[in-house]
PDB file of all heavy atoms in Angstrom:
ATOM      1  N   ALA A   1       7.529  25.348  -5.474  1.00  0.00           N
ATOM      2  CA  ALA A   1       8.470  25.612  -4.406  1.00  0.00           C
ATOM      3  C   ALA A   1       7.623  26.059  -3.271  1.00  0.00           C
ATOM      4  O   ALA A   1       6.410  26.443  -3.280  1.00  0.00           O
ATOM      5  CB  ALA A   1       9.388  26.825  -4.750  1.00  0.00           C
ATOM      6  N   GLU A   2       8.187  25.936  -2.026  1.00  0.00           N
ATOM      7  CA  GLU A   2       7.486  26.180  -0.822  1.00  0.00           C
ATOM      8  C   GLU A   2       8.433  26.800   0.207  1.00  0.00           C
ATOM      9  O   GLU A   2       9.684  26.505   0.139  1.00  0.00           O
ATOM     10  CB  GLU A   2       6.642  25.085  -0.235  1.00  0.00           C
ATOM     11  CG  GLU A   2       7.274  23.803  -0.170  1.00  0.00           C
ATOM     12  CD  GLU A   2       6.237  22.670   0.126  1.00  0.00           C
ATOM     13  OE1 GLU A   2       5.817  22.622   1.262  1.00  0.00           O
ATOM     14  OE2 GLU A   2       5.947  21.916  -0.822  1.00  0.00           O
ATOM     15  N   LEU A   3       7.957  27.501   1.170  1.00  0.00           N
ATOM     16  CA  LEU A   3       8.806  28.148   2.214  1.00  0.00           C
ATOM     17  C   LEU A   3       8.391  27.487   3.600  1.00  0.00           C
ATOM     18  O   LEU A   3       7.177  27.401   4.016  1.00  0.00           O
ATOM     19  CB  LEU A   3       8.583  29.696   2.246  1.00  0.00           C
ATOM     20  CG  LEU A   3       9.230  30.357   1.174  1.00  0.00           C
ATOM     21  CD1 LEU A   3       8.611  31.833   1.185  1.00  0.00           C
ATOM     22  CD2 LEU A   3      10.742  30.368   1.331  1.00  0.00           C
ATOM     23  N   TYR A   4       9.411  27.230   4.450  1.00  0.00           N
ATOM     24  CA  TYR A   4       9.228  26.805   5.832  1.00  0.00           C
ATOM     25  C   TYR A   4       9.560  27.959   6.722  1.00  0.00           C
ATOM     26  O   TYR A   4      10.596  28.617   6.601  1.00  0.00           O
ATOM     27  CB  TYR A   4      10.138  25.652   6.141  1.00  0.00           C
ATOM     28  CG  TYR A   4      10.098  25.161   7.562  1.00  0.00           C
ATOM     29  CD1 TYR A   4       8.919  24.585   8.104  1.00  0.00           C
ATOM     30  CD2 TYR A   4      11.114  25.431   8.428  1.00  0.00           C
ATOM     31  CE1 TYR A   4       8.865  24.109   9.411  1.00  0.00           C
ATOM     32  CE2 TYR A   4      11.033  25.070   9.745  1.00  0.00           C
ATOM     33  CZ  TYR A   4       9.897  24.462  10.250  1.00  0.00           C
ATOM     34  OH  TYR A   4       9.929  24.081  11.596  1.00  0.00           O
ATOM     35  N   ASP A   5       8.627  28.319   7.639  1.00  0.00           N
ATOM     36  CA  ASP A   5       8.785  29.382   8.639  1.00  0.00           C
ATOM     37  C   ASP A   5       9.122  28.680   9.867  1.00  0.00           C
ATOM     38  O   ASP A   5       8.257  28.032  10.570  1.00  0.00           O
ATOM     39  CB  ASP A   5       7.553  30.141   8.740  1.00  0.00           C
ATOM     40  CG  ASP A   5       7.653  31.318   9.837  1.00  0.00           C
ATOM     41  OD1 ASP A   5       8.612  31.290  10.590  1.00  0.00           O
ATOM     42  OD2 ASP A   5       6.883  32.258   9.644  1.00  0.00           O
ATOM     43  N   PRO A   6      10.399  28.752  10.388  1.00  0.00           N
ATOM     44  CA  PRO A   6      10.695  28.049  11.754  1.00  0.00           C
ATOM     45  C   PRO A   6      10.103  28.650  12.911  1.00  0.00           C
ATOM     46  O   PRO A   6       9.958  27.897  13.924  1.00  0.00           O
ATOM     47  CB  PRO A   6      12.246  28.262  11.782  1.00  0.00           C
ATOM     48  CG  PRO A   6      12.579  29.438  10.952  1.00  0.00           C
ATOM     49  CD  PRO A   6      11.563  29.439   9.819  1.00  0.00           C
ATOM     50  N   LEU A   7       9.576  29.772  12.848  1.00  0.00           N
ATOM     51  CA  LEU A   7       8.893  30.414  14.028  1.00  0.00           C
ATOM     52  C   LEU A   7       7.478  29.857  14.196  1.00  0.00           C
ATOM     53  O   LEU A   7       7.095  29.720  15.362  1.00  0.00           O
ATOM     54  CB  LEU A   7       8.777  31.932  13.794  1.00  0.00           C
ATOM     55  CG  LEU A   7      10.120  32.685  13.731  1.00  0.00           C
ATOM     56  CD1 LEU A   7       9.871  34.192  13.536  1.00  0.00           C
ATOM     57  CD2 LEU A   7      10.940  32.345  14.978  1.00  0.00           C
ATOM     58  N   THR A   8       6.858  29.461  13.080  1.00  0.00           N
ATOM     59  CA  THR A   8       5.531  28.850  13.258  1.00  0.00           C
ATOM     60  C   THR A   8       5.482  27.388  12.911  1.00  0.00           C
ATOM     61  O   THR A   8       4.449  26.749  13.162  1.00  0.00           O
ATOM     62  CB  THR A   8       4.473  29.546  12.261  1.00  0.00           C
ATOM     63  OG1 THR A   8       4.983  29.272  10.828  1.00  0.00           O
ATOM     64  CG2 THR A   8       4.510  31.110  12.431  1.00  0.00           C
ATOM     65  N   GLY A   9       6.538  26.741  12.252  1.00  0.00           N
ATOM     66  CA  GLY A   9       6.540  25.407  11.989  1.00  0.00           C
ATOM     67  C   GLY A   9       5.743  25.125  10.837  1.00  0.00           C
ATOM     68  O   GLY A   9       5.301  23.956  10.617  1.00  0.00           O
ATOM     69  N   SER A  10       5.386  26.134   9.948  1.00  0.00           N
ATOM     70  CA  SER A  10       4.443  25.851   8.988  1.00  0.00           C
ATOM     71  C   SER A  10       5.077  26.275   7.486  1.00  0.00           C
ATOM     72  O   SER A  10       6.082  26.847   7.395  1.00  0.00           O
ATOM     73  CB  SER A  10       3.175  26.750   9.051  1.00  0.00           C
ATOM     74  OG  SER A  10       3.520  28.069   9.065  1.00  0.00           O
ATOM     75  N   TRP A  11       4.505  25.667   6.431  1.00  0.00           N
ATOM     76  CA  TRP A  11       4.802  25.748   5.098  1.00  0.00           C
ATOM     77  C   TRP A  11       3.768  26.537   4.371  1.00  0.00           C
ATOM     78  O   TRP A  11       2.642  26.325   4.503  1.00  0.00           O
ATOM     79  CB  TRP A  11       4.987  24.351   4.489  1.00  0.00           C
ATOM     80  CG  TRP A  11       6.064  23.553   5.114  1.00  0.00           C
ATOM     81  CD1 TRP A  11       6.000  22.827   6.165  1.00  0.00           C
ATOM     82  CD2 TRP A  11       7.450  23.453   4.531  1.00  0.00           C
ATOM     83  NE1 TRP A  11       7.220  22.122   6.440  1.00  0.00           N
ATOM     84  CE2 TRP A  11       8.085  22.519   5.485  1.00  0.00           C
ATOM     85  CE3 TRP A  11       8.079  23.936   3.494  1.00  0.00           C
ATOM     86  CZ2 TRP A  11       9.431  22.227   5.325  1.00  0.00           C
ATOM     87  CZ3 TRP A  11       9.409  23.621   3.371  1.00  0.00           C
ATOM     88  CH2 TRP A  11      10.071  22.694   4.225  1.00  0.00           C
ATOM     89  N   THR A  12       4.299  27.366   3.391  1.00  0.00           N
ATOM     90  CA  THR A  12       3.412  28.088   2.468  1.00  0.00           C
ATOM     91  C   THR A  12       4.010  27.966   1.093  1.00  0.00           C
ATOM     92  O   THR A  12       5.222  27.720   0.863  1.00  0.00           O
ATOM     93  CB  THR A  12       3.355  29.671   2.747  1.00  0.00           C
ATOM     94  OG1 THR A  12       4.597  30.095   2.871  1.00  0.00           O
ATOM     95  CG2 THR A  12       2.628  29.761   4.044  1.00  0.00           C
ATOM     96  N   THR A  13       3.126  28.028   0.103  1.00  0.00           N
ATOM     97  CA  THR A  13       3.669  28.013  -1.252  1.00  0.00           C
ATOM     98  C   THR A  13       4.435  29.179  -1.615  1.00  0.00           C
ATOM     99  O   THR A  13       4.187  30.292  -1.157  1.00  0.00           O
ATOM    100  CB  THR A  13       2.489  27.839  -2.328  1.00  0.00           C
ATOM    101  OG1 THR A  13       1.550  28.892  -2.117  1.00  0.00           O
ATOM    102  CG2 THR A  13       1.744  26.506  -2.064  1.00  0.00           C
ATOM    103  N   ALA A  14       5.411  29.035  -2.518  1.00  0.00           N
ATOM    104  CA  ALA A  14       6.250  30.030  -3.035  1.00  0.00           C
ATOM    105  C   ALA A  14       6.079  30.021  -4.526  1.00  0.00           C
ATOM    106  O   ALA A  14       5.550  29.057  -5.020  1.00  0.00           O
ATOM    107  CB  ALA A  14       7.718  29.887  -2.649  1.00  0.00           C
ATOM    108  N   GLY A  15       6.550  30.985  -5.279  1.00  0.00           N
ATOM    109  CA  GLY A  15       6.453  30.992  -6.751  1.00  0.00           C
ATOM    110  C   GLY A  15       7.090  29.895  -7.298  1.00  0.00           C
ATOM    111  O   GLY A  15       8.151  29.318  -6.839  1.00  0.00           O
ATOM    112  N   SER A  16       6.478  29.321  -8.382  1.00  0.00           N
ATOM    113  CA  SER A  16       7.073  28.125  -9.070  1.00  0.00           C
ATOM    114  C   SER A  16       8.157  28.524 -10.073  1.00  0.00           C
ATOM    115  O   SER A  16       8.239  29.617 -10.426  1.00  0.00           O
ATOM    116  CB  SER A  16       5.950  27.379  -9.851  1.00  0.00           C
ATOM    117  OG  SER A  16       5.036  26.874  -9.063  1.00  0.00           O
ATOM    118  N   MET A  17       9.062  27.494 -10.288  1.00  0.00           N
ATOM    119  CA  MET A  17      10.141  27.894 -11.173  1.00  0.00           C
ATOM    120  C   MET A  17       9.583  27.802 -12.696  1.00  0.00           C
ATOM    121  O   MET A  17       8.314  27.447 -12.909  1.00  0.00           O
ATOM    122  CB  MET A  17      11.182  26.583 -11.127  1.00  0.00           C
ATOM    123  CG  MET A  17      11.879  26.676  -9.762  1.00  0.00           C
ATOM    124  SD  MET A  17      13.118  25.350  -9.642  1.00  0.00           S
ATOM    125  CE  MET A  17      12.011  23.878  -9.470  1.00  0.00           C
ATOM    126  N   ALA A  18      10.340  28.161 -13.603  1.00  0.00           N
ATOM    127  CA  ALA A  18       9.881  28.320 -14.974  1.00  0.00           C
ATOM    128  C   ALA A  18       9.385  26.895 -15.548  1.00  0.00           C
ATOM    129  O   ALA A  18       8.634  26.776 -16.441  1.00  0.00           O
ATOM    130  CB  ALA A  18      10.862  28.849 -15.919  1.00  0.00           C
ATOM    131  N   GLY A  19       9.953  25.858 -15.032  1.00  0.00           N
ATOM    132  CA  GLY A  19       9.663  24.520 -15.415  1.00  0.00           C
ATOM    133  C   GLY A  19      10.082  23.537 -14.375  1.00  0.00           C
ATOM    134  O   GLY A  19      10.835  23.864 -13.462  1.00  0.00           O
ATOM    135  N   PRO A  20       9.632  22.225 -14.461  1.00  0.00           N
ATOM    136  CA  PRO A  20       9.979  21.288 -13.497  1.00  0.00           C
ATOM    137  C   PRO A  20      11.363  20.897 -13.539  1.00  0.00           C
ATOM    138  O   PRO A  20      12.043  20.856 -14.571  1.00  0.00           O
ATOM    139  CB  PRO A  20       9.019  20.120 -13.825  1.00  0.00           C
ATOM    140  CG  PRO A  20       8.820  20.209 -15.354  1.00  0.00           C
ATOM    141  CD  PRO A  20       8.880  21.781 -15.566  1.00  0.00           C
ATOM    142  N   ARG A  21      11.968  20.492 -12.387  1.00  0.00           N
ATOM    143  CA  ARG A  21      13.366  19.827 -12.267  1.00  0.00           C
ATOM    144  C   ARG A  21      13.439  19.036 -10.989  1.00  0.00           C
ATOM    145  O   ARG A  21      12.807  19.357  -9.941  1.00  0.00           O
ATOM    146  CB  ARG A  21      14.342  20.888 -12.388  1.00  0.00           C
ATOM    147  CG  ARG A  21      14.368  21.942 -11.327  1.00  0.00           C
ATOM    148  CD  ARG A  21      15.544  22.930 -11.291  1.00  0.00           C
ATOM    149  NE  ARG A  21      15.417  23.883 -12.394  1.00  0.00           N
ATOM    150  CZ  ARG A  21      16.381  24.316 -13.079  1.00  0.00           C
ATOM    151  NH1 ARG A  21      17.609  23.919 -13.000  1.00  0.00           N
ATOM    152  NH2 ARG A  21      16.174  25.340 -13.987  1.00  0.00           N
ATOM    153  N   GLN A  22      14.325  18.030 -11.064  1.00  0.00           N
ATOM    154  CA  GLN A  22      14.704  17.232  -9.837  1.00  0.00           C
ATOM    155  C   GLN A  22      16.207  17.101  -9.901  1.00  0.00           C
ATOM    156  O   GLN A  22      16.725  17.058 -10.862  1.00  0.00           O
ATOM    157  CB  GLN A  22      13.967  15.966  -9.849  1.00  0.00           C
ATOM    158  CG  GLN A  22      14.185  15.068 -10.961  1.00  0.00           C
ATOM    159  CD  GLN A  22      13.493  13.727 -10.867  1.00  0.00           C
ATOM    160  OE1 GLN A  22      13.599  13.023  -9.935  1.00  0.00           O
ATOM    161  NE2 GLN A  22      12.610  13.502 -11.848  1.00  0.00           N
ATOM    162  N   GLY A  23      16.760  16.955  -8.733  1.00  0.00           N
ATOM    163  CA  GLY A  23      18.253  16.652  -8.581  1.00  0.00           C
ATOM    164  C   GLY A  23      19.050  17.896  -9.012  1.00  0.00           C
ATOM    165  O   GLY A  23      20.142  17.754  -9.255  1.00  0.00           O
ATOM    166  N   GLN A  24      18.399  19.099  -8.850  1.00  0.00           N
ATOM    167  CA  GLN A  24      19.107  20.249  -9.191  1.00  0.00           C
ATOM    168  C   GLN A  24      20.098  20.827  -7.997  1.00  0.00           C
ATOM    169  O   GLN A  24      20.051  20.219  -6.933  1.00  0.00           O
ATOM    170  CB  GLN A  24      18.146  21.374  -9.529  1.00  0.00           C
ATOM    171  CG  GLN A  24      17.376  21.907  -8.388  1.00  0.00           C
ATOM    172  CD  GLN A  24      16.093  20.967  -8.069  1.00  0.00           C
ATOM    173  OE1 GLN A  24      15.852  19.869  -8.733  1.00  0.00           O
ATOM    174  NE2 GLN A  24      15.306  21.424  -7.106  1.00  0.00           N
ATOM    175  N   THR A  25      20.749  21.970  -8.204  1.00  0.00           N
ATOM    176  CA  THR A  25      21.419  22.648  -7.110  1.00  0.00           C
ATOM    177  C   THR A  25      20.752  23.954  -6.855  1.00  0.00           C
ATOM    178  O   THR A  25      20.196  24.546  -7.782  1.00  0.00           O
ATOM    179  CB  THR A  25      22.947  22.752  -7.399  1.00  0.00           C
ATOM    180  OG1 THR A  25      23.099  23.629  -8.534  1.00  0.00           O
ATOM    181  CG2 THR A  25      23.573  21.435  -7.634  1.00  0.00           C
ATOM    182  N   ALA A  26      20.793  24.415  -5.678  1.00  0.00           N
ATOM    183  CA  ALA A  26      20.336  25.744  -5.289  1.00  0.00           C
ATOM    184  C   ALA A  26      21.418  26.510  -4.548  1.00  0.00           C
ATOM    185  O   ALA A  26      21.882  25.961  -3.515  1.00  0.00           O
ATOM    186  CB  ALA A  26      19.028  25.567  -4.475  1.00  0.00           C
ATOM    187  N   THR A  27      21.744  27.708  -4.910  1.00  0.00           N
ATOM    188  CA  THR A  27      22.735  28.426  -4.213  1.00  0.00           C
ATOM    189  C   THR A  27      22.200  29.835  -3.833  1.00  0.00           C
ATOM    190  O   THR A  27      21.665  30.534  -4.580  1.00  0.00           O
ATOM    191  CB  THR A  27      23.974  28.653  -5.291  1.00  0.00           C
ATOM    192  OG1 THR A  27      24.389  27.445  -5.772  1.00  0.00           O
ATOM    193  CG2 THR A  27      25.098  29.482  -4.560  1.00  0.00           C
ATOM    194  N   LEU A  28      22.470  30.107  -2.543  1.00  0.00           N
ATOM    195  CA  LEU A  28      22.056  31.410  -1.964  1.00  0.00           C
ATOM    196  C   LEU A  28      23.078  32.443  -2.381  1.00  0.00           C
ATOM    197  O   LEU A  28      24.279  32.322  -2.136  1.00  0.00           O
ATOM    198  CB  LEU A  28      21.940  31.376  -0.478  1.00  0.00           C
ATOM    199  CG  LEU A  28      21.664  32.661   0.221  1.00  0.00           C
ATOM    200  CD1 LEU A  28      20.200  33.088  -0.169  1.00  0.00           C
ATOM    201  CD2 LEU A  28      21.726  32.511   1.739  1.00  0.00           C
ATOM    202  N   LEU A  29      22.609  33.429  -3.106  1.00  0.00           N
ATOM    203  CA  LEU A  29      23.567  34.539  -3.594  1.00  0.00           C
ATOM    204  C   LEU A  29      23.562  35.600  -2.529  1.00  0.00           C
ATOM    205  O   LEU A  29      22.793  35.686  -1.697  1.00  0.00           O
ATOM    206  CB  LEU A  29      22.924  35.134  -4.878  1.00  0.00           C
ATOM    207  CG  LEU A  29      22.664  34.097  -6.028  1.00  0.00           C
ATOM    208  CD1 LEU A  29      22.121  34.811  -7.253  1.00  0.00           C
ATOM    209  CD2 LEU A  29      24.006  33.447  -6.389  1.00  0.00           C
ATOM    210  N   LYS A  30      24.568  36.413  -2.626  1.00  0.00           N
ATOM    211  CA  LYS A  30      24.867  37.555  -1.627  1.00  0.00           C
ATOM    212  C   LYS A  30      23.792  38.483  -1.539  1.00  0.00           C
ATOM    213  O   LYS A  30      23.445  39.043  -0.546  1.00  0.00           O
ATOM    214  CB  LYS A  30      26.198  38.248  -2.099  1.00  0.00           C
ATOM    215  CG  LYS A  30      27.421  37.490  -1.770  1.00  0.00           C
ATOM    216  CD  LYS A  30      28.664  38.316  -2.053  1.00  0.00           C
ATOM    217  CE  LYS A  30      29.950  37.519  -1.773  1.00  0.00           C
ATOM    218  NZ  LYS A  30      31.163  38.361  -1.945  1.00  0.00           N
ATOM    219  N   ASP A  31      23.032  38.752  -2.659  1.00  0.00           N
ATOM    220  CA  ASP A  31      21.881  39.718  -2.592  1.00  0.00           C
ATOM    221  C   ASP A  31      20.588  39.016  -2.034  1.00  0.00           C
ATOM    222  O   ASP A  31      19.579  39.711  -2.053  1.00  0.00           O
ATOM    223  CB  ASP A  31      21.656  40.230  -3.996  1.00  0.00           C
ATOM    224  CG  ASP A  31      21.182  39.226  -4.977  1.00  0.00           C
ATOM    225  OD1 ASP A  31      20.976  38.068  -4.646  1.00  0.00           O
ATOM    226  OD2 ASP A  31      20.969  39.679  -6.124  1.00  0.00           O
ATOM    227  N   GLY A  32      20.686  37.679  -1.627  1.00  0.00           N
ATOM    228  CA  GLY A  32      19.485  37.082  -1.033  1.00  0.00           C
ATOM    229  C   GLY A  32      18.643  36.257  -1.867  1.00  0.00           C
ATOM    230  O   GLY A  32      17.852  35.524  -1.524  1.00  0.00           O
ATOM    231  N   ARG A  33      18.889  36.329  -3.240  1.00  0.00           N
ATOM    232  CA  ARG A  33      18.261  35.608  -4.172  1.00  0.00           C
ATOM    233  C   ARG A  33      18.794  34.100  -4.099  1.00  0.00           C
ATOM    234  O   ARG A  33      19.953  33.956  -3.750  1.00  0.00           O
ATOM    235  CB  ARG A  33      18.317  36.086  -5.583  1.00  0.00           C
ATOM    236  CG  ARG A  33      17.494  37.452  -5.734  1.00  0.00           C
ATOM    237  CD  ARG A  33      17.594  38.068  -6.969  1.00  0.00           C
ATOM    238  NE  ARG A  33      19.002  38.340  -7.488  1.00  0.00           N
ATOM    239  CZ  ARG A  33      19.306  38.542  -8.696  1.00  0.00           C
ATOM    240  NH1 ARG A  33      18.424  38.483  -9.800  1.00  0.00           N
ATOM    241  NH2 ARG A  33      20.691  38.690  -8.999  1.00  0.00           N
TER     242      ARG A  33
END
């Protein structure tokens, strides 16, 4: 996984998921996770 910072226009690595996946869904929860 990686993060895009719109203020700098740059990408950095983020923590990886427990295993690989493609075609998944991602939902922002109320607590920010």
